[in-house]
N, C-alpha and C. Protein backbone atom coordinates (compact mmCIF):
# COMPACT_ATOMS: atom_id res chain seq x y z
N MET A 1 38.62 -2.14 14.42
CA MET A 1 38.18 -3.08 13.62
C MET A 1 38.99 -4.40 14.15
N GLN A 2 39.66 -4.55 14.72
CA GLN A 2 39.83 -5.50 15.58
C GLN A 2 39.06 -6.46 16.59
N GLU A 3 38.66 -5.58 16.99
CA GLU A 3 37.29 -5.77 17.44
C GLU A 3 36.25 -6.51 17.16
N ILE A 4 35.84 -5.90 15.71
CA ILE A 4 35.09 -6.04 14.87
C ILE A 4 34.94 -7.82 14.91
N MET A 5 36.57 -8.07 14.04
CA MET A 5 37.09 -9.41 13.87
C MET A 5 36.71 -10.21 14.68
N GLN A 6 36.93 -9.95 15.69
CA GLN A 6 37.06 -10.33 17.10
C GLN A 6 35.19 -11.03 17.49
N PHE A 7 34.49 -10.20 16.98
CA PHE A 7 33.31 -10.43 17.20
C PHE A 7 32.83 -11.17 16.50
N VAL A 8 32.95 -11.24 15.19
CA VAL A 8 32.43 -12.16 14.11
C VAL A 8 32.52 -13.30 14.28
N SER A 9 34.17 -13.59 14.37
CA SER A 9 35.08 -14.78 14.65
C SER A 9 34.20 -15.14 15.91
N ARG A 10 33.70 -15.17 16.88
CA ARG A 10 33.26 -15.37 18.43
C ARG A 10 31.49 -15.57 18.20
N HIS A 11 30.88 -14.90 17.41
CA HIS A 11 29.38 -14.93 17.18
C HIS A 11 28.97 -14.68 15.62
N PRO A 12 29.21 -15.75 14.95
CA PRO A 12 29.01 -15.98 13.72
C PRO A 12 27.66 -15.81 12.92
N ILE A 13 26.52 -16.67 13.98
CA ILE A 13 25.39 -16.27 13.48
C ILE A 13 25.10 -15.18 13.67
N LEU A 14 25.35 -14.35 14.49
CA LEU A 14 24.69 -12.77 15.14
C LEU A 14 25.11 -12.32 14.24
N SER A 15 26.15 -12.45 13.33
CA SER A 15 26.95 -11.52 12.18
C SER A 15 26.45 -11.68 11.13
N ILE A 16 26.03 -13.28 10.88
CA ILE A 16 25.14 -13.43 9.38
C ILE A 16 23.86 -12.67 9.26
N ALA A 17 23.43 -12.92 10.99
CA ALA A 17 21.79 -12.39 11.07
C ALA A 17 21.78 -10.71 10.84
N TRP A 18 22.86 -9.95 11.56
CA TRP A 18 23.02 -8.79 10.96
C TRP A 18 23.07 -8.25 9.97
N VAL A 19 24.05 -8.94 8.82
CA VAL A 19 24.24 -8.57 7.57
C VAL A 19 22.98 -8.80 6.56
N GLY A 20 22.29 -10.01 7.02
CA GLY A 20 21.10 -10.50 6.47
C GLY A 20 20.20 -8.91 6.60
N LEU A 21 19.81 -8.64 7.71
CA LEU A 21 18.65 -7.56 8.00
C LEU A 21 19.52 -6.03 7.66
N LEU A 22 20.84 -6.06 7.50
CA LEU A 22 21.18 -4.66 6.94
C LEU A 22 20.47 -4.58 5.41
N ALA A 23 21.02 -5.88 4.76
CA ALA A 23 20.87 -6.09 3.39
C ALA A 23 19.29 -6.00 3.10
N ALA A 24 18.21 -6.23 3.84
CA ALA A 24 16.93 -6.40 3.80
C ALA A 24 16.68 -5.11 3.72
N VAL A 25 16.88 -4.52 4.64
CA VAL A 25 16.58 -2.75 5.21
C VAL A 25 17.28 -2.01 3.53
N ILE A 26 17.81 -2.15 3.54
CA ILE A 26 18.39 -1.31 2.24
C ILE A 26 17.91 -2.25 0.67
N VAL A 27 17.68 -3.67 0.74
CA VAL A 27 16.62 -3.54 -0.80
C VAL A 27 15.12 -2.99 -0.48
N THR A 28 14.78 -2.99 0.98
CA THR A 28 13.38 -2.23 1.07
C THR A 28 13.50 -1.13 0.71
N THR A 29 14.65 -0.08 1.50
CA THR A 29 14.87 1.45 0.67
C THR A 29 14.65 1.42 -0.18
N LEU A 30 15.34 0.79 -0.96
CA LEU A 30 15.83 1.16 -2.93
C LEU A 30 14.62 0.90 -3.44
N LYS A 31 14.28 -0.11 -3.01
CA LYS A 31 12.58 -0.41 -3.90
C LYS A 31 11.69 0.66 -3.76
N GLY A 32 11.31 0.96 -2.61
CA GLY A 32 10.38 2.26 -2.18
C GLY A 32 10.73 3.44 -2.96
N LEU A 33 12.22 3.53 -2.87
CA LEU A 33 12.46 5.34 -3.71
C LEU A 33 12.51 4.72 -5.00
N THR A 34 12.53 3.75 -5.71
CA THR A 34 12.50 3.63 -7.36
C THR A 34 11.15 3.47 -7.86
N SER A 35 10.21 2.96 -6.71
CA SER A 35 8.60 2.34 -7.15
C SER A 35 8.15 3.68 -7.75
N LYS A 36 7.46 3.26 -8.92
CA LYS A 36 6.31 3.95 -9.67
C LYS A 36 5.12 4.75 -8.10
N VAL A 37 4.56 3.60 -7.32
CA VAL A 37 3.76 3.41 -6.19
C VAL A 37 4.31 4.35 -5.26
N LYS A 38 3.74 5.19 -4.87
CA LYS A 38 4.34 5.69 -3.85
C LYS A 38 2.88 5.65 -2.03
N VAL A 39 3.73 5.64 -0.99
CA VAL A 39 2.75 5.23 -0.11
C VAL A 39 2.69 6.58 0.50
N ILE A 40 1.20 7.30 0.93
CA ILE A 40 1.05 8.39 1.00
C ILE A 40 0.12 8.26 1.98
N THR A 41 -0.41 9.64 3.09
CA THR A 41 -0.59 9.83 4.57
C THR A 41 -2.03 9.83 4.09
N ARG A 42 -2.72 9.88 5.24
CA ARG A 42 -4.12 9.97 5.41
C ARG A 42 -4.38 11.30 4.97
N SER A 43 -3.79 12.69 5.00
CA SER A 43 -3.97 13.82 4.99
C SER A 43 -3.68 14.15 3.10
N GLN A 44 -2.69 13.74 2.60
CA GLN A 44 -2.85 13.43 1.48
C GLN A 44 -3.77 12.78 0.93
N VAL A 45 -4.17 11.46 1.37
CA VAL A 45 -5.15 11.05 0.50
C VAL A 45 -6.38 12.23 0.63
N THR A 46 -7.17 12.79 1.65
CA THR A 46 -7.84 13.41 1.97
C THR A 46 -7.86 14.75 0.87
N HIS A 47 -6.63 14.78 1.06
CA HIS A 47 -6.40 16.29 -0.37
C HIS A 47 -6.26 16.11 -1.76
N LEU A 48 -6.08 14.37 -1.98
CA LEU A 48 -6.56 13.93 -3.23
C LEU A 48 -7.70 13.69 -3.46
N ILE A 49 -8.66 13.01 -3.10
CA ILE A 49 -10.25 13.20 -2.90
C ILE A 49 -11.16 14.33 -3.17
N ASN A 50 -10.70 15.54 -2.14
CA ASN A 50 -11.30 16.69 -2.08
C ASN A 50 -11.15 17.47 -3.69
N LYS A 51 -9.95 17.79 -4.05
CA LYS A 51 -8.85 18.30 -4.52
C LYS A 51 -8.95 18.07 -6.14
N GLU A 52 -8.77 16.48 -6.28
CA GLU A 52 -8.38 15.92 -7.51
C GLU A 52 -9.22 14.64 -8.04
N ASP A 53 -9.91 14.92 -7.25
CA ASP A 53 -11.25 13.83 -7.58
C ASP A 53 -10.45 12.41 -7.25
N ALA A 54 -9.31 11.69 -6.62
CA ALA A 54 -9.54 10.60 -6.49
C ALA A 54 -10.27 9.63 -6.62
N VAL A 55 -9.50 8.48 -6.79
CA VAL A 55 -10.56 6.89 -6.29
C VAL A 55 -9.84 5.89 -5.86
N VAL A 56 -10.86 5.54 -4.46
CA VAL A 56 -10.27 4.59 -3.92
C VAL A 56 -10.75 3.67 -3.90
N VAL A 57 -9.38 2.55 -3.92
CA VAL A 57 -10.06 1.17 -4.23
C VAL A 57 -9.57 0.31 -2.69
N ASP A 58 -10.77 -0.09 -2.45
CA ASP A 58 -10.52 -1.14 -1.11
C ASP A 58 -10.64 -2.44 -1.41
N LEU A 59 -9.48 -2.72 -0.94
CA LEU A 59 -9.11 -4.73 -1.06
C LEU A 59 -9.50 -5.52 -0.15
N ARG A 60 -9.92 -4.99 0.66
CA ARG A 60 -10.70 -6.01 1.99
C ARG A 60 -11.91 -6.88 1.27
N GLN A 61 -11.78 -7.39 2.07
CA GLN A 61 -13.39 -8.40 1.34
C GLN A 61 -14.15 -7.62 1.41
N ARG A 62 -15.55 -8.41 0.42
CA ARG A 62 -16.94 -7.71 0.72
C ARG A 62 -17.33 -7.36 2.48
N ASP A 63 -17.12 -8.49 3.16
CA ASP A 63 -17.86 -8.13 4.52
C ASP A 63 -17.07 -7.12 5.25
N ASP A 64 -15.99 -7.02 5.19
CA ASP A 64 -15.24 -5.82 5.55
C ASP A 64 -15.57 -5.00 4.78
N PHE A 65 -15.22 -4.28 3.74
CA PHE A 65 -15.93 -3.43 3.25
C PHE A 65 -17.25 -2.59 3.56
N ARG A 66 -18.38 -3.74 4.00
CA ARG A 66 -19.97 -3.46 4.35
C ARG A 66 -19.23 -2.93 5.52
N LYS A 67 -18.49 -3.01 6.42
CA LYS A 67 -18.58 -2.82 7.73
C LYS A 67 -17.96 -1.20 7.71
N GLY A 68 -17.39 -1.11 7.04
CA GLY A 68 -16.60 0.85 7.10
C GLY A 68 -15.86 1.08 5.95
N HIS A 69 -16.30 1.90 4.93
CA HIS A 69 -15.15 1.95 3.99
C HIS A 69 -15.16 3.86 4.04
N ILE A 70 -13.67 4.17 3.04
CA ILE A 70 -14.20 5.63 2.62
C ILE A 70 -15.24 5.29 1.98
N THR A 71 -15.40 6.92 1.35
CA THR A 71 -16.66 7.42 1.12
C THR A 71 -16.21 7.43 -0.68
N ASN A 72 -17.26 6.53 -1.69
CA ASN A 72 -17.18 6.07 -2.59
C ASN A 72 -15.93 5.79 -3.01
N ALA A 73 -15.55 4.60 -2.30
CA ALA A 73 -14.48 3.95 -2.62
C ALA A 73 -14.88 2.50 -3.51
N VAL A 74 -14.09 2.07 -3.99
CA VAL A 74 -14.66 0.77 -5.16
C VAL A 74 -14.09 -0.11 -4.16
N ASN A 75 -15.10 -1.30 -4.13
CA ASN A 75 -14.36 -2.69 -3.69
C ASN A 75 -13.65 -3.43 -4.77
N LEU A 76 -12.52 -3.62 -4.76
CA LEU A 76 -12.25 -4.64 -5.53
C LEU A 76 -11.15 -5.62 -4.88
N LEU A 77 -11.31 -7.00 -4.69
CA LEU A 77 -10.21 -8.01 -4.24
C LEU A 77 -8.77 -8.17 -5.27
N PRO A 78 -7.69 -8.28 -4.31
CA PRO A 78 -6.60 -8.53 -5.23
C PRO A 78 -6.28 -9.72 -6.47
N THR A 79 -7.26 -10.41 -6.10
CA THR A 79 -7.63 -11.51 -7.20
C THR A 79 -8.25 -10.92 -8.71
N GLU A 80 -9.05 -10.05 -8.51
CA GLU A 80 -9.83 -9.69 -9.63
C GLU A 80 -9.09 -8.42 -10.09
N ILE A 81 -8.05 -8.04 -9.27
CA ILE A 81 -6.89 -6.89 -10.26
C ILE A 81 -5.97 -7.88 -10.62
N LYS A 82 -5.43 -9.21 -10.16
CA LYS A 82 -4.55 -9.82 -11.03
C LYS A 82 -5.32 -10.39 -12.04
N SER A 83 -6.64 -10.60 -12.20
CA SER A 83 -7.02 -11.46 -13.00
C SER A 83 -7.22 -10.26 -14.50
N GLY A 84 -7.34 -8.77 -14.03
CA GLY A 84 -7.17 -8.07 -14.95
C GLY A 84 -8.57 -7.68 -15.36
N SER A 85 -9.81 -7.80 -14.01
CA SER A 85 -11.06 -7.33 -14.33
C SER A 85 -11.25 -5.93 -13.54
N PHE A 86 -11.52 -4.56 -13.93
CA PHE A 86 -11.25 -3.72 -13.13
C PHE A 86 -12.33 -3.09 -12.69
N GLY A 87 -13.57 -3.66 -13.58
CA GLY A 87 -15.47 -3.10 -13.72
C GLY A 87 -14.83 -1.51 -13.94
N GLU A 88 -16.19 -1.37 -13.11
CA GLU A 88 -15.90 0.29 -12.90
C GLU A 88 -14.54 1.15 -13.18
N LEU A 89 -13.66 0.56 -12.54
CA LEU A 89 -12.30 1.71 -12.55
C LEU A 89 -11.80 2.05 -13.69
N ASP A 90 -11.99 0.93 -14.44
CA ASP A 90 -10.90 1.21 -15.71
C ASP A 90 -11.14 2.52 -16.32
N LYS A 91 -12.18 2.89 -16.50
CA LYS A 91 -12.42 4.33 -16.75
C LYS A 91 -12.13 5.30 -16.14
N HIS A 92 -11.29 5.18 -15.08
CA HIS A 92 -10.69 6.19 -14.29
C HIS A 92 -9.00 5.92 -14.65
N LYS A 93 -8.68 5.26 -15.45
CA LYS A 93 -7.30 5.68 -15.26
C LYS A 93 -6.33 6.90 -15.23
N SER A 94 -7.18 7.82 -15.63
CA SER A 94 -6.59 9.01 -16.20
C SER A 94 -6.24 9.73 -14.51
N ARG A 95 -7.16 9.45 -13.85
CA ARG A 95 -7.61 10.05 -12.38
C ARG A 95 -6.79 9.39 -11.42
N PRO A 96 -6.36 10.40 -9.77
CA PRO A 96 -5.20 9.14 -9.02
C PRO A 96 -5.91 8.25 -8.68
N VAL A 97 -5.34 7.61 -7.95
CA VAL A 97 -6.02 5.80 -7.80
C VAL A 97 -5.32 5.73 -6.25
N ILE A 98 -6.02 6.00 -5.18
CA ILE A 98 -5.76 5.12 -3.83
C ILE A 98 -5.83 4.03 -3.45
N VAL A 99 -4.84 2.64 -3.06
CA VAL A 99 -5.16 1.68 -3.02
C VAL A 99 -5.31 1.38 -1.66
N VAL A 100 -5.94 0.94 -0.99
CA VAL A 100 -6.30 0.49 0.31
C VAL A 100 -6.62 -0.40 1.07
N ASP A 101 -5.90 -1.53 2.24
CA ASP A 101 -6.37 -2.50 2.23
C ASP A 101 -6.60 -2.34 3.67
N ALA A 102 -6.25 -3.59 4.37
CA ALA A 102 -6.77 -3.54 6.18
C ALA A 102 -5.89 -2.62 7.02
N SER A 103 -4.49 -3.25 6.73
CA SER A 103 -3.75 -1.88 7.56
C SER A 103 -2.20 -1.86 6.63
N GLY A 104 -2.47 -1.63 5.42
CA GLY A 104 -1.40 -1.29 4.54
C GLY A 104 -0.16 -1.96 3.83
N MET A 105 -0.56 -3.14 4.41
CA MET A 105 1.10 -4.37 4.47
C MET A 105 0.87 -4.90 2.59
N ASN A 106 -0.27 -4.98 2.30
CA ASN A 106 -0.16 -6.33 1.33
C ASN A 106 -1.17 -5.24 0.38
N ALA A 107 -1.11 -3.96 0.25
CA ALA A 107 -1.59 -3.04 -1.22
C ALA A 107 -0.74 -2.78 -1.96
N GLN A 108 0.70 -2.75 -2.00
CA GLN A 108 1.74 -2.66 -2.98
C GLN A 108 1.61 -3.50 -4.05
N GLU A 109 1.94 -4.74 -3.97
CA GLU A 109 1.45 -5.83 -5.39
C GLU A 109 0.26 -5.64 -6.45
N SER A 110 -1.08 -4.78 -5.53
CA SER A 110 -2.64 -4.41 -6.28
C SER A 110 -1.54 -3.54 -6.95
N ALA A 111 -1.18 -2.00 -6.15
CA ALA A 111 -1.10 -1.04 -6.70
C ALA A 111 -0.03 -1.30 -8.18
N ALA A 112 0.81 -1.77 -7.99
CA ALA A 112 1.96 -2.50 -8.83
C ALA A 112 1.21 -2.57 -10.57
N LEU A 113 0.14 -3.89 -9.96
CA LEU A 113 -0.03 -4.10 -11.10
C LEU A 113 -1.34 -2.97 -11.57
N LEU A 114 -1.63 -2.26 -10.84
CA LEU A 114 -3.14 -0.91 -11.44
C LEU A 114 -2.08 -0.64 -12.34
N THR A 115 -0.82 0.02 -12.11
CA THR A 115 0.46 0.72 -12.86
C THR A 115 0.71 -0.31 -13.80
N LYS A 116 0.69 -1.05 -13.81
CA LYS A 116 1.46 -2.09 -15.56
C LYS A 116 0.17 -1.85 -16.44
N ALA A 117 -1.26 -1.80 -15.65
CA ALA A 117 -2.22 -2.28 -16.22
C ALA A 117 -2.68 -0.61 -16.82
N GLY A 118 -1.83 0.18 -16.58
CA GLY A 118 -1.96 1.49 -17.66
C GLY A 118 -2.74 2.69 -16.59
N PHE A 119 -3.33 2.32 -15.57
CA PHE A 119 -3.12 3.97 -14.33
C PHE A 119 -2.16 4.71 -13.92
N GLU A 120 -2.03 5.69 -14.49
CA GLU A 120 -1.24 6.90 -14.39
C GLU A 120 -0.96 7.18 -13.03
N ARG A 121 -1.52 7.09 -12.09
CA ARG A 121 -1.09 7.98 -10.76
C ARG A 121 -1.98 6.68 -9.83
N VAL A 122 -0.94 6.58 -9.44
CA VAL A 122 -1.59 4.80 -8.30
C VAL A 122 -0.60 5.13 -6.92
N MET A 123 -1.11 5.13 -5.87
CA MET A 123 -0.47 4.94 -4.80
C MET A 123 -1.53 4.51 -3.39
N VAL A 124 -0.77 4.41 -2.47
CA VAL A 124 -1.39 3.31 -1.36
C VAL A 124 -1.19 4.11 -0.13
N LEU A 125 -2.20 3.77 0.55
CA LEU A 125 -2.26 4.95 1.60
C LEU A 125 -1.41 3.93 2.86
N LYS A 126 -0.98 5.11 3.47
CA LYS A 126 -0.26 4.37 4.62
C LYS A 126 -1.05 3.97 5.63
N GLU A 127 -0.95 3.15 6.49
CA GLU A 127 -1.36 1.99 7.69
C GLU A 127 -3.24 1.51 7.25
N GLY A 128 -3.39 1.90 5.97
CA GLY A 128 -4.97 1.07 5.39
C GLY A 128 -5.86 1.87 6.26
N ILE A 129 -6.81 1.25 6.34
CA ILE A 129 -7.99 1.46 7.14
C ILE A 129 -7.80 1.73 8.50
N ALA A 130 -6.97 0.54 8.94
CA ALA A 130 -6.78 0.67 10.13
C ALA A 130 -5.77 2.13 10.66
N GLY A 131 -5.21 2.54 9.69
CA GLY A 131 -4.41 3.90 10.23
C GLY A 131 -5.73 5.13 9.98
N TRP A 132 -6.74 5.14 9.21
CA TRP A 132 -8.01 5.57 8.39
C TRP A 132 -8.57 5.88 9.87
N SER A 133 -8.98 4.90 10.36
CA SER A 133 -10.44 5.01 11.72
C SER A 133 -9.28 5.34 12.80
N GLY A 134 -8.42 5.04 12.84
CA GLY A 134 -7.74 5.36 14.52
C GLY A 134 -7.53 6.62 14.41
N GLU A 135 -7.23 7.53 13.33
CA GLU A 135 -7.51 8.80 13.27
C GLU A 135 -8.74 9.41 13.61
N ASN A 136 -9.74 8.78 13.13
CA ASN A 136 -11.48 8.94 13.66
C ASN A 136 -11.85 9.82 12.20
N LEU A 137 -11.34 9.02 11.48
CA LEU A 137 -11.86 9.46 9.42
C LEU A 137 -12.92 9.47 9.55
N PRO A 138 -14.01 9.64 8.76
CA PRO A 138 -15.26 8.89 8.25
C PRO A 138 -15.29 7.35 7.50
N LEU A 139 -15.84 7.08 8.12
CA LEU A 139 -16.15 5.98 7.60
C LEU A 139 -17.50 5.44 7.08
N VAL A 140 -17.91 4.99 6.01
CA VAL A 140 -19.53 5.09 5.35
C VAL A 140 -19.78 3.50 5.36
N ARG A 141 -21.19 3.03 6.08
CA ARG A 141 -21.20 1.46 6.38
C ARG A 141 -21.92 1.30 5.12
N GLY A 142 -22.38 0.05 4.65
CA GLY A 142 -23.28 -0.85 3.92
C GLY A 142 -22.55 -0.66 2.42
N LYS A 143 -23.28 -0.67 1.58
CA LYS A 143 -23.40 -0.51 -0.12
C LYS A 143 -22.66 -2.15 -0.50
């Protein structure tokens, strides 16, 4: 304990940074555990699409969507979700909804908004389309 106190007194900036990082990790972990939106793997996505008729919502820009997307995916921009205009997705509130973006980093907010809008089962694809195509899983071009 004495050594820790000496380290803290000699390196206050490093100590504050360490405490801040620890707090960020704890908060992020707790948010993930208590969130209604779960992050799922590519194998779970294929299972949900094939067995439970899940709907995939792709959040990428239209040009990126046309370059390659998961089969039967619906292209909605995050701004459309924020404004509450879900289009054809609105009739699928009881089906599983999988939210996909380019890397899996920005889909949580849109997924949380879908949950608040009454969608029952909303999930996010881990690593997004980058992970999907990295595993050589099929992408559809056009549309």
